[in-house]
Amino acid sequence: MQIKPIYTEKSLKNTALKRYTFAVPIMARKDEIKKDIAKRFTLKVLKISTIVVHGKSKRVGKKRIEKHYPSWKKAIVTTDKEIALFTAPAEEKK
């Protein structure tokens, strides 16, 4: 299963609560996501929330042709440990 982390201001604030946001395949079920994340990061998944983000359409190009972007699924995962992908390197103080 292809899982990509989502780095936004809101998702990085949720890392303090051990909640991490991922983009997952649209047909993925919660139990599949839970198994994959637990295996990939070797931790215990406490809760999963999923949201289907509907695709949008935009006008692009010189002729302003309408282009449609596909729908995708977002999973917000609550864990018992921190995930190293979402920790930012510590800034040096002067």
N, C-alpha and C. Protein backbone atom coordinates (compact mmCIF):
# COMPACT_ATOMS: atom_id res chain seq x y z
N MET A 1 0.84 -1.17 0.00
CA MET A 1 0.00 0.00 0.00
C MET A 1 0.90 1.24 0.00
N GLN A 2 0.52 2.21 -0.80
CA GLN A 2 1.31 3.43 -0.89
C GLN A 2 0.76 4.46 0.09
N ILE A 3 1.58 4.82 1.05
CA ILE A 3 1.21 5.80 2.07
C ILE A 3 2.22 6.95 2.02
N LYS A 4 1.69 8.19 1.91
CA LYS A 4 2.56 9.36 1.87
C LYS A 4 2.22 10.28 3.04
N PRO A 5 3.21 10.74 3.78
CA PRO A 5 2.92 11.69 4.87
C PRO A 5 2.52 13.05 4.31
N ILE A 6 1.65 13.73 5.02
CA ILE A 6 1.19 15.06 4.63
C ILE A 6 1.79 16.06 5.62
N TYR A 7 2.55 17.02 5.09
CA TYR A 7 3.20 18.03 5.92
C TYR A 7 2.50 19.37 5.71
N THR A 8 1.57 19.70 6.59
CA THR A 8 0.94 21.01 6.59
C THR A 8 1.10 21.60 7.99
N GLU A 9 0.77 22.84 8.13
CA GLU A 9 0.90 23.49 9.43
C GLU A 9 0.02 22.80 10.47
N LYS A 10 -1.20 22.46 10.08
CA LYS A 10 -2.12 21.80 11.00
C LYS A 10 -1.65 20.39 11.36
N SER A 11 -1.16 19.64 10.37
CA SER A 11 -0.73 18.27 10.66
C SER A 11 0.53 18.26 11.54
N LEU A 12 1.40 19.24 11.38
CA LEU A 12 2.59 19.31 12.23
C LEU A 12 2.24 19.73 13.66
N LYS A 13 1.17 20.52 13.85
CA LYS A 13 0.72 20.86 15.20
C LYS A 13 0.16 19.62 15.89
N ASN A 14 -0.49 18.74 15.13
CA ASN A 14 -1.09 17.53 15.70
C ASN A 14 -0.04 16.50 16.13
N THR A 15 1.21 16.66 15.70
CA THR A 15 2.24 15.70 16.10
C THR A 15 2.52 15.77 17.60
N ALA A 16 2.22 16.90 18.23
CA ALA A 16 2.38 17.01 19.68
C ALA A 16 1.39 16.08 20.41
N LEU A 17 0.25 15.80 19.75
CA LEU A 17 -0.76 14.90 20.31
C LEU A 17 -0.59 13.47 19.80
N LYS A 18 0.53 13.22 19.10
CA LYS A 18 0.83 11.92 18.49
C LYS A 18 -0.22 11.53 17.45
N ARG A 19 -0.69 12.53 16.69
CA ARG A 19 -1.62 12.31 15.58
C ARG A 19 -0.89 12.67 14.30
N TYR A 20 -0.86 11.73 13.36
CA TYR A 20 -0.09 11.90 12.12
C TYR A 20 -1.01 11.74 10.93
N THR A 21 -0.78 12.55 9.89
CA THR A 21 -1.65 12.59 8.72
C THR A 21 -0.94 11.97 7.53
N PHE A 22 -1.66 11.08 6.81
CA PHE A 22 -1.13 10.39 5.64
C PHE A 22 -2.14 10.43 4.51
N ALA A 23 -1.63 10.46 3.26
CA ALA A 23 -2.46 10.26 2.09
C ALA A 23 -2.41 8.78 1.74
N VAL A 24 -3.57 8.15 1.63
CA VAL A 24 -3.64 6.71 1.39
C VAL A 24 -4.48 6.46 0.14
N PRO A 25 -4.42 5.24 -0.43
CA PRO A 25 -5.28 4.94 -1.59
C PRO A 25 -6.76 5.08 -1.23
N ILE A 26 -7.56 5.49 -2.18
CA ILE A 26 -8.96 5.80 -1.91
C ILE A 26 -9.76 4.55 -1.54
N MET A 27 -9.32 3.38 -1.95
CA MET A 27 -10.04 2.14 -1.63
C MET A 27 -9.53 1.47 -0.35
N ALA A 28 -8.57 2.07 0.34
CA ALA A 28 -7.99 1.47 1.55
C ALA A 28 -8.99 1.53 2.71
N ARG A 29 -9.07 0.43 3.46
CA ARG A 29 -9.94 0.37 4.62
C ARG A 29 -9.13 0.66 5.88
N LYS A 30 -9.83 0.99 6.98
CA LYS A 30 -9.15 1.36 8.22
C LYS A 30 -8.27 0.23 8.75
N ASP A 31 -8.75 -1.02 8.67
CA ASP A 31 -7.95 -2.13 9.19
C ASP A 31 -6.69 -2.35 8.37
N GLU A 32 -6.76 -2.13 7.05
CA GLU A 32 -5.57 -2.24 6.20
C GLU A 32 -4.56 -1.15 6.53
N ILE A 33 -5.05 0.07 6.72
CA ILE A 33 -4.18 1.20 7.06
C ILE A 33 -3.50 0.95 8.41
N LYS A 34 -4.27 0.46 9.37
CA LYS A 34 -3.73 0.19 10.71
C LYS A 34 -2.62 -0.84 10.66
N LYS A 35 -2.82 -1.95 9.93
CA LYS A 35 -1.80 -2.99 9.82
C LYS A 35 -0.55 -2.46 9.14
N ASP A 36 -0.73 -1.71 8.07
CA ASP A 36 0.42 -1.21 7.30
C ASP A 36 1.25 -0.22 8.11
N ILE A 37 0.62 0.70 8.81
CA ILE A 37 1.36 1.69 9.59
C ILE A 37 2.03 1.03 10.79
N ALA A 38 1.35 0.10 11.45
CA ALA A 38 1.94 -0.61 12.59
C ALA A 38 3.16 -1.41 12.16
N LYS A 39 3.09 -2.03 10.98
CA LYS A 39 4.22 -2.82 10.48
C LYS A 39 5.37 -1.93 10.01
N ARG A 40 5.03 -0.85 9.33
CA ARG A 40 6.05 0.04 8.75
C ARG A 40 6.85 0.79 9.81
N PHE A 41 6.19 1.25 10.86
CA PHE A 41 6.85 2.07 11.88
C PHE A 41 7.05 1.34 13.20
N THR A 42 6.66 0.10 13.30
CA THR A 42 6.76 -0.75 14.50
C THR A 42 6.25 -0.01 15.75
N LEU A 43 4.96 0.30 15.74
CA LEU A 43 4.31 0.94 16.86
C LEU A 43 2.86 0.49 16.92
N LYS A 44 2.15 0.90 17.98
CA LYS A 44 0.75 0.52 18.15
C LYS A 44 -0.14 1.67 17.71
N VAL A 45 -1.10 1.37 16.84
CA VAL A 45 -2.05 2.37 16.36
C VAL A 45 -3.26 2.34 17.27
N LEU A 46 -3.60 3.49 17.86
CA LEU A 46 -4.71 3.57 18.79
C LEU A 46 -6.03 3.92 18.10
N LYS A 47 -5.99 4.82 17.11
CA LYS A 47 -7.22 5.28 16.47
C LYS A 47 -6.91 5.75 15.05
N ILE A 48 -7.89 5.56 14.14
CA ILE A 48 -7.74 6.04 12.76
C ILE A 48 -9.02 6.77 12.36
N SER A 49 -8.85 7.96 11.80
CA SER A 49 -9.95 8.72 11.20
C SER A 49 -9.64 8.87 9.72
N THR A 50 -10.63 8.63 8.86
CA THR A 50 -10.40 8.78 7.42
C THR A 50 -11.36 9.80 6.84
N ILE A 51 -10.88 10.53 5.83
CA ILE A 51 -11.66 11.55 5.16
C ILE A 51 -11.41 11.40 3.66
N VAL A 52 -12.47 11.40 2.85
CA VAL A 52 -12.30 11.40 1.40
C VAL A 52 -12.30 12.86 0.94
N VAL A 53 -11.20 13.27 0.33
CA VAL A 53 -11.06 14.63 -0.18
C VAL A 53 -11.43 14.58 -1.66
N HIS A 54 -12.53 15.23 -2.02
CA HIS A 54 -13.01 15.18 -3.39
C HIS A 54 -12.13 16.01 -4.32
N GLY A 55 -11.94 15.50 -5.52
CA GLY A 55 -11.10 16.17 -6.50
C GLY A 55 -11.70 17.48 -6.97
N LYS A 56 -10.86 18.39 -7.34
CA LYS A 56 -11.31 19.71 -7.79
C LYS A 56 -11.02 19.86 -9.27
N SER A 57 -11.60 20.87 -9.87
CA SER A 57 -11.31 21.17 -11.26
C SER A 57 -10.79 22.59 -11.37
N LYS A 58 -9.81 22.78 -12.25
CA LYS A 58 -9.21 24.09 -12.45
C LYS A 58 -9.11 24.36 -13.95
N ARG A 59 -9.12 25.62 -14.31
CA ARG A 59 -8.92 26.00 -15.71
C ARG A 59 -7.43 26.29 -15.90
N VAL A 60 -6.82 25.64 -16.91
CA VAL A 60 -5.39 25.78 -17.13
C VAL A 60 -5.12 26.06 -18.61
N GLY A 61 -3.95 26.64 -18.86
CA GLY A 61 -3.48 26.84 -20.22
C GLY A 61 -4.03 28.09 -20.89
N LYS A 62 -3.57 28.29 -22.12
CA LYS A 62 -3.95 29.47 -22.88
C LYS A 62 -5.43 29.44 -23.27
N LYS A 63 -5.94 28.26 -23.57
CA LYS A 63 -7.34 28.12 -23.97
C LYS A 63 -8.27 27.93 -22.77
N ARG A 64 -7.68 27.93 -21.54
CA ARG A 64 -8.45 27.82 -20.30
C ARG A 64 -9.29 26.54 -20.27
N ILE A 65 -8.66 25.44 -20.66
CA ILE A 65 -9.31 24.13 -20.64
C ILE A 65 -9.45 23.68 -19.19
N GLU A 66 -10.59 23.08 -18.85
CA GLU A 66 -10.84 22.65 -17.48
C GLU A 66 -10.18 21.30 -17.24
N LYS A 67 -9.34 21.23 -16.18
CA LYS A 67 -8.64 20.01 -15.82
C LYS A 67 -9.18 19.51 -14.50
N HIS A 68 -9.50 18.20 -14.41
CA HIS A 68 -10.06 17.61 -13.20
C HIS A 68 -8.97 16.86 -12.45
N TYR A 69 -8.88 17.08 -11.14
CA TYR A 69 -7.93 16.38 -10.29
C TYR A 69 -8.67 15.27 -9.55
N PRO A 70 -8.05 14.11 -9.36
CA PRO A 70 -8.76 12.97 -8.77
C PRO A 70 -9.00 13.14 -7.26
N SER A 71 -9.98 12.39 -6.78
CA SER A 71 -10.25 12.35 -5.34
C SER A 71 -9.18 11.50 -4.66
N TRP A 72 -8.96 11.73 -3.36
CA TRP A 72 -7.99 10.96 -2.62
C TRP A 72 -8.46 10.85 -1.17
N LYS A 73 -7.83 9.98 -0.42
CA LYS A 73 -8.24 9.74 0.97
C LYS A 73 -7.14 10.16 1.92
N LYS A 74 -7.56 10.82 3.01
CA LYS A 74 -6.64 11.25 4.05
C LYS A 74 -6.91 10.43 5.30
N ALA A 75 -5.85 9.94 5.95
CA ALA A 75 -5.99 9.17 7.19
C ALA A 75 -5.24 9.90 8.29
N ILE A 76 -5.93 10.14 9.41
CA ILE A 76 -5.30 10.74 10.58
C ILE A 76 -5.16 9.62 11.61
N VAL A 77 -3.91 9.31 11.96
CA VAL A 77 -3.60 8.15 12.78
C VAL A 77 -3.09 8.61 14.14
N THR A 78 -3.69 8.08 15.21
CA THR A 78 -3.23 8.34 16.57
C THR A 78 -2.43 7.13 17.03
N THR A 79 -1.21 7.36 17.53
CA THR A 79 -0.32 6.27 17.92
C THR A 79 0.12 6.41 19.37
N ASP A 80 0.84 5.39 19.85
CA ASP A 80 1.34 5.43 21.21
C ASP A 80 2.76 6.00 21.29
N LYS A 81 3.49 6.02 20.17
CA LYS A 81 4.85 6.56 20.12
C LYS A 81 4.94 7.64 19.04
N GLU A 82 6.06 8.36 19.05
CA GLU A 82 6.29 9.36 18.01
C GLU A 82 6.86 8.71 16.76
N ILE A 83 6.56 9.29 15.61
CA ILE A 83 7.10 8.82 14.33
C ILE A 83 8.21 9.79 13.93
N ALA A 84 9.36 9.26 13.56
CA ALA A 84 10.53 10.09 13.26
C ALA A 84 10.35 10.93 11.99
N LEU A 85 9.48 10.54 11.09
CA LEU A 85 9.26 11.30 9.85
C LEU A 85 8.76 12.71 10.12
N PHE A 86 8.00 12.88 11.19
CA PHE A 86 7.34 14.15 11.44
C PHE A 86 8.07 15.05 12.40
N THR A 87 9.20 14.62 12.94
CA THR A 87 9.94 15.48 13.87
C THR A 87 10.89 16.38 13.09
N ALA A 88 10.83 17.65 13.40
CA ALA A 88 11.69 18.62 12.74
C ALA A 88 13.02 18.68 13.49
N PRO A 89 14.11 18.93 12.77
CA PRO A 89 15.40 19.06 13.47
C PRO A 89 15.38 20.28 14.38
N ALA A 90 16.02 20.18 15.52
CA ALA A 90 16.03 21.26 16.50
C ALA A 90 16.83 22.45 15.95
N GLU A 91 16.26 23.63 16.15
CA GLU A 91 16.93 24.85 15.67
C GLU A 91 17.95 25.29 16.70
N GLU A 92 19.06 25.83 16.20
CA GLU A 92 20.10 26.33 17.09
C GLU A 92 19.73 27.70 17.61
N LYS A 93 19.94 27.91 18.91
CA LYS A 93 19.66 29.22 19.51
C LYS A 93 20.95 30.01 19.55
N LYS A 94 20.82 31.30 19.25
CA LYS A 94 22.00 32.17 19.22
C LYS A 94 22.12 32.95 20.49
